[in-house]
Amino acid sequence: MATESWTVRPADERLRPLLARDYVGFAESGAAGEGWLEAPTSRVTVILNLGERFGGLPDSFAAGLTDTWTWVERGDAVSCLDLKLTPLGAYTLLGVPMHELTGKAIDVGDLLGPAVRPLLDALREAPDWEERFRLLDRFLVRRAEVGPRPAGAVAWAWRRLAESGGQVPVGRLAEEVGWSHRHLVARFREQVGLTPKTLARIVRFNGLLRGVEAGGEVRWAELAVDHGYYDQAHLYRDFRQFLGLTPAAFLAQRGVTFFQDGSATAS
């Protein structure tokens, strides 16, 4: 029988604007062969592995934004630190153009260089999660002090998308920041990883999923209108692309664990 445990702690206050949620220390055993379906989100995941690898992924890795679903395999003896970064936080902390991570999981050593190896060794040797969180704070604060800063216009556009549930047209965003549509798309891909239009669809879809998971009778027509879907065809398209399922199949499989974004966090 699979067992799992979670230890959660807020990051250093200097890092909190860059993170989409608190640090999570995760351990599980006996779950080999199991897994979960994950919808695309507006978060960048960083896994610092202390135990077995996740399937065929690098030992410790950063996974950028993607525009489709992912099946994540569980392991038999997993222990890791799980970080969820905002896209702009990832741009600062990882220090690379975010489109280089889009749809990929890249070894943290390739992103952060040789300085990350002593951190991983210290995390494995630490006596408890609290000490691991302290080590991580120190490392990431140093990264944040020297990392690149996103353009103010990109940060504004990201906040508008997050706060509106993905319902602000890209043309309006470009007008608000005073850039051409083409320039906004190019800079957004560089510093976020996806185009504003694609990210808006993902934010909107995750909002709809939260509405479904809130419980009660699912009224697709009402949910669709609430989250900016103008017709059933667009709703079905997003379900197919983001979960590989129809809405009906999604409801039929609600016993399966689906992971999606929490409320979007702007940075």
Foldseek 3Di string as FASTA:
>chain_A
DKDKDKDWDAFDPVLVLFFFGTKIKMKMADQAPDWAKEFFAQWKKWKLWLDDDWPPAPRTWIAATELFMDITGDDHITTIIITITGLLSCCQQQQFFRLVRYPHIGHSCVRVPPVCVVLSVCLNVDPDVVVNSVSVNVSRVVSNVPGDGQDPLLLVLQVVLLVVLLQDDLVVSCVVSVHDSVVSQVSNCRRRNHGSNSNSLQSLVLVLVVVVVVDDDDDPVVSCVVSPNPDVVSVQVSCCGRGVDGPVVCVVVVVGDYDYDDRGRGD
